[in-house]
């Protein structure tokens, strides 16, 4: 079976482990509708951003750290595994540790808020979907993957750590089936619209040309939602600015802003020579304060 080159139209239509989370609506950066248009060839694939550049440049170091701490593991880097003619997985490496085959997927993270206890499978859901599918595809094609090892470089202290996701045939089969159902729609109807930034950006990018003088009618409901949404947004932005100004006047030189019961809901922090104001509180914080 021939391999498809990354970036080619053939590769674009292939399901891959890294595309699984957007296809299933579980990506923090992408959406099913945006991914559908990219896989169809309607939109270009995303250009490398700062986070992607960081990951690509740091990946060799993360893998080198893992190998240093697993010096007896047999190692195969950058493996491509195709499943039938529509799906593939490209784990960063495969290795044999203590007689068991494991899949390696290196990651970097600016913050570790979404990562749980090292050594467990408490990793962000979009990465969890990726490694479940990659392990399942590998095992359907001649491998015997027992688990995925996810070495991570992240946090403010730039610490190396590792997470372990055991193979689950049940989870892998479910994800593969859902990805197959998505793949079938590439020759049919697009997924529904959603309220994500990725979908909005995709809709803007689909038709860069403008037919001057042409008009398009929409339903009364769409017209209502558009006009009232814009008006409500302006009102909310104005209310937000006033609330922030009121808070900053009250804070003076203080670093934190709290509710009456002491729960922190905002902070002032330096940004270059200026000071920025960050709201961290949630509505539930107000409910707890009112109860107290």
C-alpha atoms as a PDB file:
ATOM      1  CA  UNK A   1       0.000   0.000   0.000  1.00  0.00           C
ATOM      2  CA  UNK A   2       1.532   3.319  -1.028  1.00  0.00           C
ATOM      3  CA  UNK A   3       2.116   6.051   1.503  1.00  0.00           C
ATOM      4  CA  UNK A   4       0.538   9.468   1.001  1.00  0.00           C
ATOM      5  CA  UNK A   5       2.796  12.489   1.319  1.00  0.00           C
ATOM      6  CA  UNK A   6       1.773  14.999   4.030  1.00  0.00           C
ATOM      7  CA  UNK A   7       0.159  18.014   2.402  1.00  0.00           C
ATOM      8  CA  UNK A   8      -0.983  16.177  -0.723  1.00  0.00           C
ATOM      9  CA  UNK A   9      -4.713  15.994  -1.610  1.00  0.00           C
ATOM     10  CA  UNK A  10      -4.605  12.231  -0.967  1.00  0.00           C
ATOM     11  CA  UNK A  11      -3.134  12.785   2.495  1.00  0.00           C
ATOM     12  CA  UNK A  12      -5.699  15.523   3.163  1.00  0.00           C
ATOM     13  CA  UNK A  13      -8.620  13.129   2.741  1.00  0.00           C
ATOM     14  CA  UNK A  14      -7.043  10.442   4.925  1.00  0.00           C
ATOM     15  CA  UNK A  15      -8.162  10.087   8.521  1.00  0.00           C
ATOM     16  CA  UNK A  16      -5.164  10.345  10.834  1.00  0.00           C
ATOM     17  CA  UNK A  17      -4.765  10.124  14.589  1.00  0.00           C
ATOM     18  CA  UNK A  18      -3.982  13.845  14.812  1.00  0.00           C
ATOM     19  CA  UNK A  19      -7.194  14.708  12.924  1.00  0.00           C
ATOM     20  CA  UNK A  20      -9.420  12.564  15.143  1.00  0.00           C
ATOM     21  CA  UNK A  21     -10.102  15.111  17.890  1.00  0.00           C
ATOM     22  CA  UNK A  22     -11.227  17.878  15.490  1.00  0.00           C
ATOM     23  CA  UNK A  23     -13.383  15.381  13.568  1.00  0.00           C
ATOM     24  CA  UNK A  24     -15.110  14.355  16.806  1.00  0.00           C
ATOM     25  CA  UNK A  25     -15.519  17.909  18.109  1.00  0.00           C
ATOM     26  CA  UNK A  26     -12.955  17.445  20.897  1.00  0.00           C
ATOM     27  CA  UNK A  27     -10.200  19.826  19.771  1.00  0.00           C
ATOM     28  CA  UNK A  28      -9.676  23.165  21.557  1.00  0.00           C
ATOM     29  CA  UNK A  29      -8.340  24.691  18.332  1.00  0.00           C
ATOM     30  CA  UNK A  30     -10.344  23.129  15.495  1.00  0.00           C
ATOM     31  CA  UNK A  31     -13.897  21.987  14.738  1.00  0.00           C
ATOM     32  CA  UNK A  32     -15.627  19.238  12.732  1.00  0.00           C
ATOM     33  CA  UNK A  33     -16.858  21.719  10.114  1.00  0.00           C
ATOM     34  CA  UNK A  34     -13.458  23.373   9.670  1.00  0.00           C
ATOM     35  CA  UNK A  35     -11.711  19.976   9.469  1.00  0.00           C
ATOM     36  CA  UNK A  36     -14.289  18.767   6.908  1.00  0.00           C
ATOM     37  CA  UNK A  37     -13.533  21.664   4.572  1.00  0.00           C
ATOM     38  CA  UNK A  38      -9.773  21.163   4.946  1.00  0.00           C
ATOM     39  CA  UNK A  39     -10.062  17.435   4.225  1.00  0.00           C
ATOM     40  CA  UNK A  40     -12.270  18.191   1.213  1.00  0.00           C
ATOM     41  CA  UNK A  41      -9.648  20.581  -0.125  1.00  0.00           C
ATOM     42  CA  UNK A  42     -11.891  23.659   0.201  1.00  0.00           C
ATOM     43  CA  UNK A  43      -9.502  25.304   2.664  1.00  0.00           C
ATOM     44  CA  UNK A  44      -5.738  25.284   3.092  1.00  0.00           C
ATOM     45  CA  UNK A  45      -4.241  23.493   6.068  1.00  0.00           C
ATOM     46  CA  UNK A  46      -3.243  25.750   8.952  1.00  0.00           C
ATOM     47  CA  UNK A  47       0.127  27.435   8.718  1.00  0.00           C
ATOM     48  CA  UNK A  48       2.599  26.734  11.501  1.00  0.00           C
ATOM     49  CA  UNK A  49       1.841  28.919  14.513  1.00  0.00           C
ATOM     50  CA  UNK A  50       4.036  29.604  17.556  1.00  0.00           C
ATOM     51  CA  UNK A  51       2.732  26.597  19.494  1.00  0.00           C
ATOM     52  CA  UNK A  52       3.219  24.261  16.528  1.00  0.00           C
ATOM     53  CA  UNK A  53       6.717  25.627  15.942  1.00  0.00           C
ATOM     54  CA  UNK A  54       7.587  25.099  19.603  1.00  0.00           C
ATOM     55  CA  UNK A  55       6.336  21.528  19.464  1.00  0.00           C
ATOM     56  CA  UNK A  56       8.188  20.700  16.267  1.00  0.00           C
ATOM     57  CA  UNK A  57      11.480  22.155  17.519  1.00  0.00           C
ATOM     58  CA  UNK A  58      11.252  20.642  21.006  1.00  0.00           C
ATOM     59  CA  UNK A  59      10.036  17.184  19.959  1.00  0.00           C
ATOM     60  CA  UNK A  60      13.564  15.748  19.401  1.00  0.00           C
ATOM     61  CA  UNK A  61      14.572  16.879  22.888  1.00  0.00           C
ATOM     62  CA  UNK A  62      11.487  15.301  24.464  1.00  0.00           C
ATOM     63  CA  UNK A  63      12.152  12.029  22.652  1.00  0.00           C
ATOM     64  CA  UNK A  64      15.832  12.173  23.644  1.00  0.00           C
ATOM     65  CA  UNK A  65      14.799  12.584  27.305  1.00  0.00           C
ATOM     66  CA  UNK A  66      12.536   9.546  27.064  1.00  0.00           C
ATOM     67  CA  UNK A  67      15.237   7.414  25.447  1.00  0.00           C
ATOM     68  CA  UNK A  68      17.752   8.465  28.108  1.00  0.00           C
ATOM     69  CA  UNK A  69      15.421   7.172  30.811  1.00  0.00           C
ATOM     70  CA  UNK A  70      14.558   4.009  28.842  1.00  0.00           C
ATOM     71  CA  UNK A  71      17.995   3.132  27.527  1.00  0.00           C
ATOM     72  CA  UNK A  72      17.239  -0.574  27.114  1.00  0.00           C
ATOM     73  CA  UNK A  73      14.150  -0.041  24.938  1.00  0.00           C
ATOM     74  CA  UNK A  74      14.296  -1.125  21.293  1.00  0.00           C
ATOM     75  CA  UNK A  75      13.438   1.954  19.261  1.00  0.00           C
ATOM     76  CA  UNK A  76      11.855   2.819  15.890  1.00  0.00           C
ATOM     77  CA  UNK A  77      11.304   6.522  15.219  1.00  0.00           C
ATOM     78  CA  UNK A  78       8.706   8.177  12.938  1.00  0.00           C
ATOM     79  CA  UNK A  79       6.576   5.210  11.944  1.00  0.00           C
ATOM     80  CA  UNK A  80       3.704   5.479   9.450  1.00  0.00           C
ATOM     81  CA  UNK A  81       0.993   2.818   9.688  1.00  0.00           C
ATOM     82  CA  UNK A  82      -1.816   2.738   7.111  1.00  0.00           C
ATOM     83  CA  UNK A  83      -5.186   1.131   7.723  1.00  0.00           C
ATOM     84  CA  UNK A  84      -7.074   0.091   4.582  1.00  0.00           C
ATOM     85  CA  UNK A  85      -7.169   3.032   2.150  1.00  0.00           C
ATOM     86  CA  UNK A  86      -8.602   5.799   4.322  1.00  0.00           C
ATOM     87  CA  UNK A  87      -6.813   5.913   7.675  1.00  0.00           C
ATOM     88  CA  UNK A  88      -3.267   6.182   8.982  1.00  0.00           C
ATOM     89  CA  UNK A  89      -1.318   6.775  12.169  1.00  0.00           C
ATOM     90  CA  UNK A  90       2.110   8.402  12.429  1.00  0.00           C
ATOM     91  CA  UNK A  91       3.290   8.038  16.031  1.00  0.00           C
ATOM     92  CA  UNK A  92       6.547   9.738  16.917  1.00  0.00           C
ATOM     93  CA  UNK A  93       8.064   6.344  17.688  1.00  0.00           C
ATOM     94  CA  UNK A  94       7.440   2.725  18.613  1.00  0.00           C
ATOM     95  CA  UNK A  95       9.536   0.961  21.219  1.00  0.00           C
ATOM     96  CA  UNK A  96       9.751  -2.354  23.051  1.00  0.00           C
ATOM     97  CA  UNK A  97       9.965  -1.936  26.825  1.00  0.00           C
ATOM     98  CA  UNK A  98      10.365  -5.015  29.023  1.00  0.00           C
ATOM     99  CA  UNK A  99       9.101  -7.216  26.195  1.00  0.00           C
ATOM    100  CA  UNK A 100       5.996  -5.115  25.445  1.00  0.00           C
ATOM    101  CA  UNK A 101       5.527  -2.881  22.407  1.00  0.00           C
ATOM    102  CA  UNK A 102       4.616   0.710  23.278  1.00  0.00           C
ATOM    103  CA  UNK A 103       3.721   3.754  21.221  1.00  0.00           C
ATOM    104  CA  UNK A 104       5.528   7.049  21.906  1.00  0.00           C
ATOM    105  CA  UNK A 105       3.892  10.445  21.353  1.00  0.00           C
ATOM    106  CA  UNK A 106       5.977  13.457  22.462  1.00  0.00           C
ATOM    107  CA  UNK A 107       4.219  16.665  23.560  1.00  0.00           C
ATOM    108  CA  UNK A 108       4.991  20.153  24.846  1.00  0.00           C
ATOM    109  CA  UNK A 109       2.677  22.314  26.941  1.00  0.00           C
ATOM    110  CA  UNK A 110       2.950  25.967  27.892  1.00  0.00           C
ATOM    111  CA  UNK A 111       0.763  25.199  30.943  1.00  0.00           C
ATOM    112  CA  UNK A 112       0.011  21.902  32.643  1.00  0.00           C
ATOM    113  CA  UNK A 113      -3.453  22.843  33.920  1.00  0.00           C
ATOM    114  CA  UNK A 114      -5.152  20.149  31.818  1.00  0.00           C
ATOM    115  CA  UNK A 115      -2.639  17.446  32.715  1.00  0.00           C
ATOM    116  CA  UNK A 116      -3.186  15.276  35.771  1.00  0.00           C
ATOM    117  CA  UNK A 117      -0.891  13.073  37.826  1.00  0.00           C
ATOM    118  CA  UNK A 118       2.266  11.950  35.970  1.00  0.00           C
ATOM    119  CA  UNK A 119       2.320   8.224  35.236  1.00  0.00           C
ATOM    120  CA  UNK A 120      -1.455   8.113  34.703  1.00  0.00           C
ATOM    121  CA  UNK A 121      -3.680   8.550  31.629  1.00  0.00           C
ATOM    122  CA  UNK A 122      -4.882  11.959  32.864  1.00  0.00           C
ATOM    123  CA  UNK A 123      -4.002  13.852  29.681  1.00  0.00           C
ATOM    124  CA  UNK A 124      -6.040  16.382  27.644  1.00  0.00           C
ATOM    125  CA  UNK A 125      -8.911  14.634  25.854  1.00  0.00           C
ATOM    126  CA  UNK A 126      -7.753  15.654  22.357  1.00  0.00           C
ATOM    127  CA  UNK A 127      -4.432  13.887  22.952  1.00  0.00           C
ATOM    128  CA  UNK A 128      -6.200  10.918  24.538  1.00  0.00           C
ATOM    129  CA  UNK A 129      -8.300  10.424  21.393  1.00  0.00           C
ATOM    130  CA  UNK A 130      -5.167  10.682  19.253  1.00  0.00           C
ATOM    131  CA  UNK A 131      -3.226   7.971  21.088  1.00  0.00           C
ATOM    132  CA  UNK A 132      -6.237   5.645  21.422  1.00  0.00           C
ATOM    133  CA  UNK A 133      -6.751   5.748  17.645  1.00  0.00           C
ATOM    134  CA  UNK A 134      -3.027   5.412  16.886  1.00  0.00           C
ATOM    135  CA  UNK A 135      -2.718   2.354  19.141  1.00  0.00           C
ATOM    136  CA  UNK A 136      -5.818   0.755  17.628  1.00  0.00           C
ATOM    137  CA  UNK A 137      -4.686   1.307  14.043  1.00  0.00           C
ATOM    138  CA  UNK A 138      -1.270  -0.114  14.900  1.00  0.00           C
ATOM    139  CA  UNK A 139      -2.787  -3.215  16.501  1.00  0.00           C
ATOM    140  CA  UNK A 140      -5.093  -3.788  13.539  1.00  0.00           C
ATOM    141  CA  UNK A 141      -2.024  -3.828  11.318  1.00  0.00           C
ATOM    142  CA  UNK A 142       0.343  -6.323  12.858  1.00  0.00           C
ATOM    143  CA  UNK A 143       1.528  -4.627  16.054  1.00  0.00           C
ATOM    144  CA  UNK A 144       0.861  -5.592  19.671  1.00  0.00           C
ATOM    145  CA  UNK A 145       0.796  -2.212  21.398  1.00  0.00           C
ATOM    146  CA  UNK A 146       0.253  -2.532  25.133  1.00  0.00           C
ATOM    147  CA  UNK A 147       0.194   1.160  25.973  1.00  0.00           C
ATOM    148  CA  UNK A 148       1.130   4.644  24.864  1.00  0.00           C
ATOM    149  CA  UNK A 149       3.865   6.604  26.594  1.00  0.00           C
ATOM    150  CA  UNK A 150       3.457  10.389  26.390  1.00  0.00           C
ATOM    151  CA  UNK A 151       6.630  12.242  27.433  1.00  0.00           C
ATOM    152  CA  UNK A 152       5.906  15.935  27.993  1.00  0.00           C
ATOM    153  CA  UNK A 153       8.011  19.057  28.369  1.00  0.00           C
ATOM    154  CA  UNK A 154       5.942  21.796  29.908  1.00  0.00           C
ATOM    155  CA  UNK A 155       4.926  24.194  32.622  1.00  0.00           C
ATOM    156  CA  UNK A 156       6.652  27.315  33.826  1.00  0.00           C
ATOM    157  CA  UNK A 157       9.590  25.280  35.136  1.00  0.00           C
ATOM    158  CA  UNK A 158      10.005  23.395  31.839  1.00  0.00           C
ATOM    159  CA  UNK A 159       9.977  19.990  33.510  1.00  0.00           C
ATOM    160  CA  UNK A 160      10.087  16.666  31.681  1.00  0.00           C
ATOM    161  CA  UNK A 161       7.441  14.175  32.764  1.00  0.00           C
ATOM    162  CA  UNK A 162       5.625  11.141  31.374  1.00  0.00           C
ATOM    163  CA  UNK A 163       2.055   9.862  31.166  1.00  0.00           C
ATOM    164  CA  UNK A 164       0.903   6.321  30.350  1.00  0.00           C
ATOM    165  CA  UNK A 165      -2.291   5.388  28.473  1.00  0.00           C
ATOM    166  CA  UNK A 166      -3.128   1.651  28.430  1.00  0.00           C
ATOM    167  CA  UNK A 167      -4.471   0.293  25.141  1.00  0.00           C
ATOM    168  CA  UNK A 168      -8.248  -0.100  25.002  1.00  0.00           C
ATOM    169  CA  UNK A 169      -9.663  -2.024  22.053  1.00  0.00           C
ATOM    170  CA  UNK A 170     -13.126  -0.769  22.998  1.00  0.00           C
ATOM    171  CA  UNK A 171     -12.171   2.910  22.953  1.00  0.00           C
ATOM    172  CA  UNK A 172     -10.019   2.476  19.854  1.00  0.00           C
ATOM    173  CA  UNK A 173     -12.759   0.716  17.893  1.00  0.00           C
ATOM    174  CA  UNK A 174     -15.331   3.344  18.885  1.00  0.00           C
ATOM    175  CA  UNK A 175     -13.099   6.222  17.787  1.00  0.00           C
ATOM    176  CA  UNK A 176     -12.211   4.449  14.533  1.00  0.00           C
ATOM    177  CA  UNK A 177     -15.898   3.858  13.737  1.00  0.00           C
ATOM    178  CA  UNK A 178     -16.799   7.482  14.422  1.00  0.00           C
ATOM    179  CA  UNK A 179     -13.910   8.686  12.261  1.00  0.00           C
ATOM    180  CA  UNK A 180     -15.047   6.335   9.479  1.00  0.00           C
ATOM    181  CA  UNK A 181     -18.554   7.815   9.669  1.00  0.00           C
ATOM    182  CA  UNK A 182     -17.037  11.303   9.385  1.00  0.00           C
ATOM    183  CA  UNK A 183     -14.863  10.246   6.452  1.00  0.00           C
ATOM    184  CA  UNK A 184     -17.922   8.992   4.555  1.00  0.00           C
ATOM    185  CA  UNK A 185     -19.450  12.484   4.738  1.00  0.00           C
ATOM    186  CA  UNK A 186     -16.609  13.878   2.602  1.00  0.00           C
ATOM    187  CA  UNK A 187     -18.690  12.657  -0.346  1.00  0.00           C
ATOM    188  CA  UNK A 188     -21.924  13.975   1.162  1.00  0.00           C
ATOM    189  CA  UNK A 189     -23.220  16.689   3.469  1.00  0.00           C
ATOM    190  CA  UNK A 190     -21.016  18.820   5.708  1.00  0.00           C
ATOM    191  CA  UNK A 191     -21.257  18.599   9.510  1.00  0.00           C
ATOM    192  CA  UNK A 192     -23.555  21.192  11.111  1.00  0.00           C
ATOM    193  CA  UNK A 193     -22.276  24.632  12.021  1.00  0.00           C
ATOM    194  CA  UNK A 194     -21.250  25.306  15.618  1.00  0.00           C
ATOM    195  CA  UNK A 195     -20.287  28.352  17.658  1.00  0.00           C
ATOM    196  CA  UNK A 196     -16.508  27.713  17.680  1.00  0.00           C
ATOM    197  CA  UNK A 197     -13.900  30.208  16.516  1.00  0.00           C
ATOM    198  CA  UNK A 198     -12.531  27.591  14.102  1.00  0.00           C
ATOM    199  CA  UNK A 199     -15.884  27.225  12.324  1.00  0.00           C
ATOM    200  CA  UNK A 200     -16.369  31.002  12.109  1.00  0.00           C
ATOM    201  CA  UNK A 201     -12.877  31.423  10.653  1.00  0.00           C
ATOM    202  CA  UNK A 202     -13.586  28.639   8.144  1.00  0.00           C
ATOM    203  CA  UNK A 203     -16.807  30.297   6.991  1.00  0.00           C
ATOM    204  CA  UNK A 204     -14.966  33.591   6.480  1.00  0.00           C
ATOM    205  CA  UNK A 205     -12.163  31.917   4.533  1.00  0.00           C
ATOM    206  CA  UNK A 206     -14.345  29.797   2.231  1.00  0.00           C
ATOM    207  CA  UNK A 207     -15.269  32.624  -0.176  1.00  0.00           C
ATOM    208  CA  UNK A 208     -12.560  35.312  -0.312  1.00  0.00           C
ATOM    209  CA  UNK A 209     -14.018  36.717  -3.547  1.00  0.00           C
ATOM    210  CA  UNK A 210     -16.884  39.244  -3.486  1.00  0.00           C
ATOM    211  CA  UNK A 211     -19.526  39.446  -6.220  1.00  0.00           C
ATOM    212  CA  UNK A 212     -20.256  43.140  -5.995  1.00  0.00           C
ATOM    213  CA  UNK A 213     -23.910  44.071  -6.120  1.00  0.00           C
ATOM    214  CA  UNK A 214     -25.102  40.529  -5.354  1.00  0.00           C
ATOM    215  CA  UNK A 215     -27.462  39.959  -2.410  1.00  0.00           C
ATOM    216  CA  UNK A 216     -28.375  36.890  -0.352  1.00  0.00           C
ATOM    217  CA  UNK A 217     -31.559  36.512   1.652  1.00  0.00           C
ATOM    218  CA  UNK A 218     -31.662  34.689   5.003  1.00  0.00           C
ATOM    219  CA  UNK A 219     -34.457  33.473   7.243  1.00  0.00           C
ATOM    220  CA  UNK A 220     -36.151  35.718   9.789  1.00  0.00           C
ATOM    221  CA  UNK A 221     -34.516  33.645  12.557  1.00  0.00           C
ATOM    222  CA  UNK A 222     -30.993  34.135  11.177  1.00  0.00           C
ATOM    223  CA  UNK A 223     -31.628  37.872  10.705  1.00  0.00           C
ATOM    224  CA  UNK A 224     -32.938  38.117  14.291  1.00  0.00           C
ATOM    225  CA  UNK A 225     -29.984  36.163  15.740  1.00  0.00           C
ATOM    226  CA  UNK A 226     -27.437  38.213  13.799  1.00  0.00           C
ATOM    227  CA  UNK A 227     -28.807  41.648  14.682  1.00  0.00           C
ATOM    228  CA  UNK A 228     -29.583  40.897  18.315  1.00  0.00           C
ATOM    229  CA  UNK A 229     -26.333  39.005  18.753  1.00  0.00           C
ATOM    230  CA  UNK A 230     -24.310  42.006  17.558  1.00  0.00           C
ATOM    231  CA  UNK A 231     -26.309  44.399  19.768  1.00  0.00           C
ATOM    232  CA  UNK A 232     -25.989  42.161  22.822  1.00  0.00           C
ATOM    233  CA  UNK A 233     -22.256  41.782  22.217  1.00  0.00           C
ATOM    234  CA  UNK A 234     -21.751  45.555  22.150  1.00  0.00           C
ATOM    235  CA  UNK A 235     -23.749  45.933  25.368  1.00  0.00           C
ATOM    236  CA  UNK A 236     -21.813  43.102  27.041  1.00  0.00           C
ATOM    237  CA  UNK A 237     -18.477  44.594  25.987  1.00  0.00           C
ATOM    238  CA  UNK A 238     -19.480  47.985  27.398  1.00  0.00           C
ATOM    239  CA  UNK A 239     -20.592  46.396  30.688  1.00  0.00           C
ATOM    240  CA  UNK A 240     -17.344  44.428  30.854  1.00  0.00           C
ATOM    241  CA  UNK A 241     -15.232  47.575  30.365  1.00  0.00           C
ATOM    242  CA  UNK A 242     -17.107  49.411  33.118  1.00  0.00           C
ATOM    243  CA  UNK A 243     -16.768  46.453  35.509  1.00  0.00           C
ATOM    244  CA  UNK A 244     -13.041  46.224  34.823  1.00  0.00           C
ATOM    245  CA  UNK A 245     -12.547  49.959  35.329  1.00  0.00           C
ATOM    246  CA  UNK A 246     -14.487  49.806  38.609  1.00  0.00           C
ATOM    247  CA  UNK A 247     -12.400  46.865  39.794  1.00  0.00           C
ATOM    248  CA  UNK A 248      -9.108  48.518  38.868  1.00  0.00           C
ATOM    249  CA  UNK A 249     -10.087  51.729  40.685  1.00  0.00           C
ATOM    250  CA  UNK A 250     -10.852  49.693  43.801  1.00  0.00           C
ATOM    251  CA  UNK A 251      -7.644  47.624  43.580  1.00  0.00           C
ATOM    252  CA  UNK A 252      -5.168  50.459  43.396  1.00  0.00           C
ATOM    253  CA  UNK A 253      -1.776  48.730  43.626  1.00  0.00           C
ATOM    254  CA  UNK A 254      -3.160  45.393  44.884  1.00  0.00           C
ATOM    255  CA  UNK A 255      -2.312  42.240  42.934  1.00  0.00           C
ATOM    256  CA  UNK A 256      -5.517  40.274  43.552  1.00  0.00           C
ATOM    257  CA  UNK A 257      -9.236  41.012  43.561  1.00  0.00           C
ATOM    258  CA  UNK A 258     -11.450  38.820  45.775  1.00  0.00           C
ATOM    259  CA  UNK A 259     -15.094  38.187  46.652  1.00  0.00           C
ATOM    260  CA  UNK A 260     -16.254  38.966  50.226  1.00  0.00           C
ATOM    261  CA  UNK A 261     -15.315  35.427  51.298  1.00  0.00           C
ATOM    262  CA  UNK A 262     -11.767  35.819  49.935  1.00  0.00           C
ATOM    263  CA  UNK A 263     -12.086  33.884  46.664  1.00  0.00           C
ATOM    264  CA  UNK A 264      -9.711  35.327  44.047  1.00  0.00           C
ATOM    265  CA  UNK A 265     -11.571  36.417  40.930  1.00  0.00           C
ATOM    266  CA  UNK A 266      -9.020  38.653  39.147  1.00  0.00           C
ATOM    267  CA  UNK A 267      -5.398  39.722  39.246  1.00  0.00           C
ATOM    268  CA  UNK A 268      -3.073  42.442  37.991  1.00  0.00           C
ATOM    269  CA  UNK A 269       0.148  41.195  36.401  1.00  0.00           C
ATOM    270  CA  UNK A 270       3.059  42.819  34.570  1.00  0.00           C
ATOM    271  CA  UNK A 271       3.341  42.707  30.804  1.00  0.00           C
ATOM    272  CA  UNK A 272       6.511  44.437  29.719  1.00  0.00           C
ATOM    273  CA  UNK A 273       6.374  47.962  31.153  1.00  0.00           C
ATOM    274  CA  UNK A 274       2.579  47.862  31.481  1.00  0.00           C
ATOM    275  CA  UNK A 275       0.137  46.042  33.750  1.00  0.00           C
ATOM    276  CA  UNK A 276      -2.595  43.769  32.460  1.00  0.00           C
ATOM    277  CA  UNK A 277      -5.839  42.796  34.218  1.00  0.00           C
ATOM    278  CA  UNK A 278      -6.934  39.146  34.116  1.00  0.00           C
ATOM    279  CA  UNK A 279     -10.341  37.881  35.264  1.00  0.00           C
ATOM    280  CA  UNK A 280     -10.082  34.309  36.563  1.00  0.00           C
ATOM    281  CA  UNK A 281     -13.357  34.036  38.467  1.00  0.00           C
ATOM    282  CA  UNK A 282     -16.396  32.053  37.320  1.00  0.00           C
ATOM    283  CA  UNK A 283     -20.119  32.437  38.093  1.00  0.00           C
ATOM    284  CA  UNK A 284     -19.843  29.526  40.537  1.00  0.00           C
ATOM    285  CA  UNK A 285     -17.443  31.656  42.629  1.00  0.00           C
ATOM    286  CA  UNK A 286     -20.196  34.225  43.122  1.00  0.00           C
ATOM    287  CA  UNK A 287     -22.671  31.530  44.156  1.00  0.00           C
ATOM    288  CA  UNK A 288     -20.272  30.197  46.791  1.00  0.00           C
ATOM    289  CA  UNK A 289     -19.621  33.721  48.070  1.00  0.00           C
ATOM    290  CA  UNK A 290     -23.334  34.483  48.347  1.00  0.00           C
ATOM    291  CA  UNK A 291     -23.933  31.246  50.272  1.00  0.00           C
ATOM    292  CA  UNK A 292     -21.078  32.040  52.627  1.00  0.00           C
END
